């Protein structure tokens, strides 16, 4: 009886080990399969990964646009205006680029504008037009003087002197004298031609 019982226990233990072995093999196979899938997915990620910082993917640096050198065709000019009238002080800068340069206005070394910003008392009547020219609403003793249209950061400037009154007629008189002299010469030439004193062949 004891022998039969021992044989039954042995058989039960053997059956348990067989079942455990089967289950263990199944679990190990499942783990190995999942591990293989994970490795495959990782390889796929590595293949598809795009590294922008890698040398072969670096874009060529964009060269900045060359900085234009602004300039004025004259260094100084004088503007005349009647008192209590509006006057526009022009800033005729060449090679100006709004993205590279900034126009500043000064009067007697005091800053009037920085870009579009007016830095002086509004009572003086300064403002800018669309071309960054300085507009003075009313010319007066307070507004006359030396102005500077300055292009930054190159610090290129045009000196403008604002005077009250009318432009002197000296230049006009000189032009009138020159025109009168030319008219006189032409009149004498026509007189000599009419009397046969000279001929066109002798002139040309």
C-alpha atoms as a PDB file:
ATOM      1  CA  UNK A   1       0.000   0.000   0.000  1.00  0.00           C
ATOM      2  CA  UNK A   2       2.823   2.361   0.853  1.00  0.00           C
ATOM      3  CA  UNK A   3       4.569   1.467  -2.399  1.00  0.00           C
ATOM      4  CA  UNK A   4       1.471   2.322  -4.395  1.00  0.00           C
ATOM      5  CA  UNK A   5       1.180   5.651  -2.604  1.00  0.00           C
ATOM      6  CA  UNK A   6       4.841   6.477  -3.250  1.00  0.00           C
ATOM      7  CA  UNK A   7       4.447   5.612  -6.918  1.00  0.00           C
ATOM      8  CA  UNK A   8       1.424   7.934  -7.172  1.00  0.00           C
ATOM      9  CA  UNK A   9       3.337  10.774  -5.551  1.00  0.00           C
ATOM     10  CA  UNK A  10       6.274  10.240  -7.859  1.00  0.00           C
ATOM     11  CA  UNK A  11       3.976  10.226 -10.872  1.00  0.00           C
ATOM     12  CA  UNK A  12       2.302  13.430  -9.714  1.00  0.00           C
ATOM     13  CA  UNK A  13       5.642  15.116  -9.191  1.00  0.00           C
ATOM     14  CA  UNK A  14       6.856  13.955 -12.601  1.00  0.00           C
ATOM     15  CA  UNK A  15       3.673  15.269 -14.219  1.00  0.00           C
ATOM     16  CA  UNK A  16       4.130  18.601 -12.421  1.00  0.00           C
ATOM     17  CA  UNK A  17       7.670  18.939 -13.660  1.00  0.00           C
ATOM     18  CA  UNK A  18       6.571  18.168 -17.213  1.00  0.00           C
ATOM     19  CA  UNK A  19       3.809  20.817 -17.050  1.00  0.00           C
ATOM     20  CA  UNK A  20       6.191  23.354 -15.485  1.00  0.00           C
ATOM     21  CA  UNK A  21       8.768  22.650 -18.176  1.00  0.00           C
ATOM     22  CA  UNK A  22       6.187  23.180 -20.927  1.00  0.00           C
ATOM     23  CA  UNK A  23       4.952  26.418 -19.376  1.00  0.00           C
ATOM     24  CA  UNK A  24       8.510  27.631 -18.846  1.00  0.00           C
ATOM     25  CA  UNK A  25       9.423  26.923 -22.466  1.00  0.00           C
ATOM     26  CA  UNK A  26       6.324  28.796 -23.657  1.00  0.00           C
ATOM     27  CA  UNK A  27       7.111  31.807 -21.484  1.00  0.00           C
ATOM     28  CA  UNK A  28      10.732  31.889 -22.612  1.00  0.00           C
ATOM     29  CA  UNK A  29       9.680  31.646 -26.254  1.00  0.00           C
ATOM     30  CA  UNK A  30       7.196  34.522 -25.794  1.00  0.00           C
ATOM     31  CA  UNK A  31       9.851  36.659 -24.099  1.00  0.00           C
ATOM     32  CA  UNK A  32      12.339  35.929 -26.865  1.00  0.00           C
ATOM     33  CA  UNK A  33       9.758  36.836 -29.514  1.00  0.00           C
ATOM     34  CA  UNK A  34       8.915  40.155 -27.831  1.00  0.00           C
ATOM     35  CA  UNK A  35      12.600  40.920 -27.394  1.00  0.00           C
ATOM     36  CA  UNK A  36      13.172  40.264 -31.093  1.00  0.00           C
ATOM     37  CA  UNK A  37      10.287  42.566 -32.087  1.00  0.00           C
ATOM     38  CA  UNK A  38      11.615  45.322 -29.814  1.00  0.00           C
ATOM     39  CA  UNK A  39      15.074  44.987 -31.337  1.00  0.00           C
ATOM     40  CA  UNK A  40      13.592  45.103 -34.825  1.00  0.00           C
ATOM     41  CA  UNK A  41      11.579  48.235 -33.972  1.00  0.00           C
ATOM     42  CA  UNK A  42      14.667  49.853 -32.511  1.00  0.00           C
ATOM     43  CA  UNK A  43      16.600  49.104 -35.689  1.00  0.00           C
ATOM     44  CA  UNK A  44      13.772  50.621 -37.708  1.00  0.00           C
ATOM     45  CA  UNK A  45      13.840  53.777 -35.601  1.00  0.00           C
ATOM     46  CA  UNK A  46      17.594  54.023 -35.999  1.00  0.00           C
ATOM     47  CA  UNK A  47      17.304  53.721 -39.774  1.00  0.00           C
ATOM     48  CA  UNK A  48      14.571  56.348 -40.069  1.00  0.00           C
ATOM     49  CA  UNK A  49      16.076  58.821 -37.580  1.00  0.00           C
ATOM     50  CA  UNK A  50      17.084  62.120 -39.223  1.00  0.00           C
ATOM     51  CA  UNK A  51      19.776  64.014 -37.404  1.00  0.00           C
ATOM     52  CA  UNK A  52      19.819  67.617 -38.587  1.00  0.00           C
ATOM     53  CA  UNK A  53      23.045  68.246 -36.704  1.00  0.00           C
ATOM     54  CA  UNK A  54      25.002  65.584 -38.574  1.00  0.00           C
ATOM     55  CA  UNK A  55      27.610  67.017 -40.996  1.00  0.00           C
ATOM     56  CA  UNK A  56      25.970  65.605 -44.131  1.00  0.00           C
ATOM     57  CA  UNK A  57      22.675  67.266 -43.236  1.00  0.00           C
ATOM     58  CA  UNK A  58      24.088  70.680 -42.353  1.00  0.00           C
ATOM     59  CA  UNK A  59      22.798  73.432 -44.626  1.00  0.00           C
ATOM     60  CA  UNK A  60      25.230  75.897 -46.133  1.00  0.00           C
ATOM     61  CA  UNK A  61      25.288  79.121 -44.113  1.00  0.00           C
ATOM     62  CA  UNK A  62      23.333  81.964 -45.665  1.00  0.00           C
ATOM     63  CA  UNK A  63      25.603  84.859 -46.514  1.00  0.00           C
ATOM     64  CA  UNK A  64      24.370  88.185 -45.141  1.00  0.00           C
ATOM     65  CA  UNK A  65      23.559  90.870 -47.669  1.00  0.00           C
ATOM     66  CA  UNK A  66      26.482  93.259 -48.168  1.00  0.00           C
ATOM     67  CA  UNK A  67      26.144  96.467 -46.206  1.00  0.00           C
ATOM     68  CA  UNK A  68      25.618  99.457 -48.463  1.00  0.00           C
ATOM     69  CA  UNK A  69      27.733 102.513 -47.774  1.00  0.00           C
ATOM     70  CA  UNK A  70      25.450 105.560 -47.737  1.00  0.00           C
ATOM     71  CA  UNK A  71      26.717 108.900 -48.991  1.00  0.00           C
ATOM     72  CA  UNK A  72      25.666 112.446 -49.878  1.00  0.00           C
ATOM     73  CA  UNK A  73      26.557 114.240 -53.078  1.00  0.00           C
ATOM     74  CA  UNK A  74      27.209 117.408 -51.055  1.00  0.00           C
ATOM     75  CA  UNK A  75      28.431 118.032 -47.521  1.00  0.00           C
ATOM     76  CA  UNK A  76      26.618 121.253 -46.732  1.00  0.00           C
ATOM     77  CA  UNK A  77      23.745 123.343 -47.999  1.00  0.00           C
ATOM     78  CA  UNK A  78      21.759 126.370 -46.892  1.00  0.00           C
ATOM     79  CA  UNK A  79      17.968 126.542 -46.904  1.00  0.00           C
ATOM     80  CA  UNK A  80      16.070 129.826 -46.779  1.00  0.00           C
ATOM     81  CA  UNK A  81      12.472 130.101 -45.567  1.00  0.00           C
ATOM     82  CA  UNK A  82      10.152 132.873 -44.539  1.00  0.00           C
ATOM     83  CA  UNK A  83       9.213 133.186 -40.902  1.00  0.00           C
ATOM     84  CA  UNK A  84       5.999 131.428 -39.797  1.00  0.00           C
ATOM     85  CA  UNK A  85       5.989 129.214 -42.900  1.00  0.00           C
ATOM     86  CA  UNK A  86       6.503 125.476 -43.235  1.00  0.00           C
ATOM     87  CA  UNK A  87       9.802 124.194 -44.560  1.00  0.00           C
ATOM     88  CA  UNK A  88      11.044 120.717 -45.416  1.00  0.00           C
ATOM     89  CA  UNK A  89      14.681 119.846 -44.820  1.00  0.00           C
ATOM     90  CA  UNK A  90      15.533 117.091 -47.278  1.00  0.00           C
ATOM     91  CA  UNK A  91      17.915 114.235 -46.537  1.00  0.00           C
ATOM     92  CA  UNK A  92      18.958 113.138 -50.076  1.00  0.00           C
ATOM     93  CA  UNK A  93      21.084 110.160 -49.046  1.00  0.00           C
ATOM     94  CA  UNK A  94      22.329 107.712 -51.667  1.00  0.00           C
ATOM     95  CA  UNK A  95      22.656 103.937 -51.125  1.00  0.00           C
ATOM     96  CA  UNK A  96      20.115 104.068 -48.319  1.00  0.00           C
ATOM     97  CA  UNK A  97      18.558 100.793 -47.181  1.00  0.00           C
ATOM     98  CA  UNK A  98      15.944 100.897 -44.433  1.00  0.00           C
ATOM     99  CA  UNK A  99      16.936  97.430 -43.169  1.00  0.00           C
ATOM    100  CA  UNK A 100      20.597  98.416 -42.799  1.00  0.00           C
ATOM    101  CA  UNK A 101      20.534 102.097 -41.923  1.00  0.00           C
ATOM    102  CA  UNK A 102      18.780 104.541 -39.631  1.00  0.00           C
ATOM    103  CA  UNK A 103      18.292 108.248 -40.267  1.00  0.00           C
ATOM    104  CA  UNK A 104      18.744 110.598 -37.318  1.00  0.00           C
ATOM    105  CA  UNK A 105      18.212 114.353 -37.234  1.00  0.00           C
ATOM    106  CA  UNK A 106      20.175 116.758 -35.037  1.00  0.00           C
ATOM    107  CA  UNK A 107      20.044 120.504 -34.419  1.00  0.00           C
ATOM    108  CA  UNK A 108      23.139 122.120 -32.949  1.00  0.00           C
ATOM    109  CA  UNK A 109      24.284 118.613 -31.839  1.00  0.00           C
ATOM    110  CA  UNK A 110      20.984 118.017 -29.985  1.00  0.00           C
ATOM    111  CA  UNK A 111      19.052 114.945 -31.106  1.00  0.00           C
ATOM    112  CA  UNK A 112      15.687 115.667 -32.745  1.00  0.00           C
ATOM    113  CA  UNK A 113      14.742 112.234 -34.095  1.00  0.00           C
ATOM    114  CA  UNK A 114      15.898 108.641 -33.823  1.00  0.00           C
ATOM    115  CA  UNK A 115      14.336 106.783 -36.693  1.00  0.00           C
ATOM    116  CA  UNK A 116      10.629 107.634 -36.545  1.00  0.00           C
ATOM    117  CA  UNK A 117      10.723 108.746 -32.909  1.00  0.00           C
ATOM    118  CA  UNK A 118      10.605 112.501 -32.188  1.00  0.00           C
ATOM    119  CA  UNK A 119      12.676 113.355 -29.105  1.00  0.00           C
ATOM    120  CA  UNK A 120      12.039 117.095 -28.778  1.00  0.00           C
ATOM    121  CA  UNK A 121       9.196 119.246 -27.485  1.00  0.00           C
ATOM    122  CA  UNK A 122       6.165 118.885 -29.748  1.00  0.00           C
ATOM    123  CA  UNK A 123       5.597 122.641 -29.458  1.00  0.00           C
ATOM    124  CA  UNK A 124       8.541 123.179 -31.802  1.00  0.00           C
ATOM    125  CA  UNK A 125       6.516 121.533 -34.576  1.00  0.00           C
ATOM    126  CA  UNK A 126       8.889 118.888 -35.918  1.00  0.00           C
ATOM    127  CA  UNK A 127       7.725 115.783 -37.746  1.00  0.00           C
ATOM    128  CA  UNK A 128       8.938 113.440 -40.483  1.00  0.00           C
ATOM    129  CA  UNK A 129       7.445 112.772 -43.888  1.00  0.00           C
ATOM    130  CA  UNK A 130       7.357 109.338 -45.510  1.00  0.00           C
ATOM    131  CA  UNK A 131      10.894 109.798 -46.887  1.00  0.00           C
ATOM    132  CA  UNK A 132      12.350 110.655 -43.453  1.00  0.00           C
ATOM    133  CA  UNK A 133      12.748 114.327 -44.364  1.00  0.00           C
ATOM    134  CA  UNK A 134      12.411 116.738 -41.443  1.00  0.00           C
ATOM    135  CA  UNK A 135       9.347 118.968 -41.623  1.00  0.00           C
ATOM    136  CA  UNK A 136       9.273 122.174 -39.577  1.00  0.00           C
ATOM    137  CA  UNK A 137       5.697 123.387 -39.259  1.00  0.00           C
ATOM    138  CA  UNK A 138       6.578 127.014 -38.532  1.00  0.00           C
ATOM    139  CA  UNK A 139       9.933 128.650 -39.098  1.00  0.00           C
ATOM    140  CA  UNK A 140      11.016 130.909 -36.236  1.00  0.00           C
ATOM    141  CA  UNK A 141      14.078 132.166 -34.425  1.00  0.00           C
ATOM    142  CA  UNK A 142      13.933 129.013 -32.295  1.00  0.00           C
ATOM    143  CA  UNK A 143      13.952 126.673 -35.271  1.00  0.00           C
ATOM    144  CA  UNK A 144      16.614 128.337 -37.416  1.00  0.00           C
ATOM    145  CA  UNK A 145      20.195 127.142 -37.127  1.00  0.00           C
ATOM    146  CA  UNK A 146      22.381 124.196 -38.082  1.00  0.00           C
ATOM    147  CA  UNK A 147      20.780 120.816 -38.698  1.00  0.00           C
ATOM    148  CA  UNK A 148      22.392 117.468 -39.421  1.00  0.00           C
ATOM    149  CA  UNK A 149      20.849 114.600 -41.333  1.00  0.00           C
ATOM    150  CA  UNK A 150      22.933 111.648 -40.110  1.00  0.00           C
ATOM    151  CA  UNK A 151      22.940 108.071 -41.406  1.00  0.00           C
ATOM    152  CA  UNK A 152      23.768 105.494 -38.773  1.00  0.00           C
ATOM    153  CA  UNK A 153      25.727 103.366 -38.020  1.00  0.00           C
ATOM    154  CA  UNK A 154      28.164 104.785 -40.590  1.00  0.00           C
ATOM    155  CA  UNK A 155      27.773 108.309 -39.135  1.00  0.00           C
ATOM    156  CA  UNK A 156      27.578 109.889 -42.583  1.00  0.00           C
ATOM    157  CA  UNK A 157      25.931 113.289 -42.412  1.00  0.00           C
ATOM    158  CA  UNK A 158      24.733 116.287 -44.345  1.00  0.00           C
ATOM    159  CA  UNK A 159      24.967 119.718 -42.742  1.00  0.00           C
ATOM    160  CA  UNK A 160      21.919 121.922 -43.440  1.00  0.00           C
ATOM    161  CA  UNK A 161      21.790 125.552 -42.328  1.00  0.00           C
ATOM    162  CA  UNK A 162      18.285 126.990 -42.017  1.00  0.00           C
ATOM    163  CA  UNK A 163      18.102 130.755 -42.463  1.00  0.00           C
ATOM    164  CA  UNK A 164      15.073 133.029 -42.163  1.00  0.00           C
ATOM    165  CA  UNK A 165      14.370 135.161 -45.218  1.00  0.00           C
ATOM    166  CA  UNK A 166      14.635 134.924 -48.971  1.00  0.00           C
ATOM    167  CA  UNK A 167      17.542 133.416 -50.831  1.00  0.00           C
ATOM    168  CA  UNK A 168      20.100 136.077 -51.808  1.00  0.00           C
ATOM    169  CA  UNK A 169      19.843 137.159 -55.424  1.00  0.00           C
ATOM    170  CA  UNK A 170      23.611 137.197 -55.999  1.00  0.00           C
ATOM    171  CA  UNK A 171      23.510 134.057 -58.080  1.00  0.00           C
ATOM    172  CA  UNK A 172      20.558 135.366 -60.076  1.00  0.00           C
ATOM    173  CA  UNK A 173      22.362 138.644 -60.790  1.00  0.00           C
ATOM    174  CA  UNK A 174      25.432 136.782 -61.991  1.00  0.00           C
ATOM    175  CA  UNK A 175      23.292 134.683 -64.310  1.00  0.00           C
ATOM    176  CA  UNK A 176      21.585 137.808 -65.636  1.00  0.00           C
ATOM    177  CA  UNK A 177      24.970 139.462 -66.335  1.00  0.00           C
ATOM    178  CA  UNK A 178      26.168 136.380 -68.183  1.00  0.00           C
ATOM    179  CA  UNK A 179      22.987 136.274 -70.248  1.00  0.00           C
ATOM    180  CA  UNK A 180      23.284 140.003 -71.052  1.00  0.00           C
ATOM    181  CA  UNK A 181      26.886 139.590 -72.157  1.00  0.00           C
ATOM    182  CA  UNK A 182      25.958 136.702 -74.423  1.00  0.00           C
ATOM    183  CA  UNK A 183      23.105 138.703 -75.950  1.00  0.00           C
ATOM    184  CA  UNK A 184      25.453 141.595 -76.637  1.00  0.00           C
ATOM    185  CA  UNK A 185      27.966 139.348 -78.366  1.00  0.00           C
ATOM    186  CA  UNK A 186      25.253 137.802 -80.524  1.00  0.00           C
ATOM    187  CA  UNK A 187      23.878 141.228 -81.434  1.00  0.00           C
ATOM    188  CA  UNK A 188      27.326 142.457 -82.529  1.00  0.00           C
ATOM    189  CA  UNK A 189      27.885 139.301 -84.525  1.00  0.00           C
ATOM    190  CA  UNK A 190      24.527 139.652 -86.269  1.00  0.00           C
ATOM    191  CA  UNK A 191      25.332 143.302 -87.082  1.00  0.00           C
ATOM    192  CA  UNK A 192      28.662 142.397 -88.672  1.00  0.00           C
ATOM    193  CA  UNK A 193      27.079 139.582 -90.634  1.00  0.00           C
ATOM    194  CA  UNK A 194      24.388 141.874 -91.985  1.00  0.00           C
ATOM    195  CA  UNK A 195      26.990 144.349 -93.252  1.00  0.00           C
ATOM    196  CA  UNK A 196      29.280 141.695 -94.647  1.00  0.00           C
ATOM    197  CA  UNK A 197      32.059 142.564 -92.247  1.00  0.00           C
ATOM    198  CA  UNK A 198      32.451 138.900 -91.347  1.00  0.00           C
ATOM    199  CA  UNK A 199      31.147 135.722 -92.916  1.00  0.00           C
ATOM    200  CA  UNK A 200      30.044 132.444 -91.481  1.00  0.00           C
ATOM    201  CA  UNK A 201      33.024 130.784 -93.156  1.00  0.00           C
ATOM    202  CA  UNK A 202      35.380 132.925 -91.105  1.00  0.00           C
ATOM    203  CA  UNK A 203      33.485 132.095 -87.883  1.00  0.00           C
ATOM    204  CA  UNK A 204      33.283 128.334 -88.408  1.00  0.00           C
END
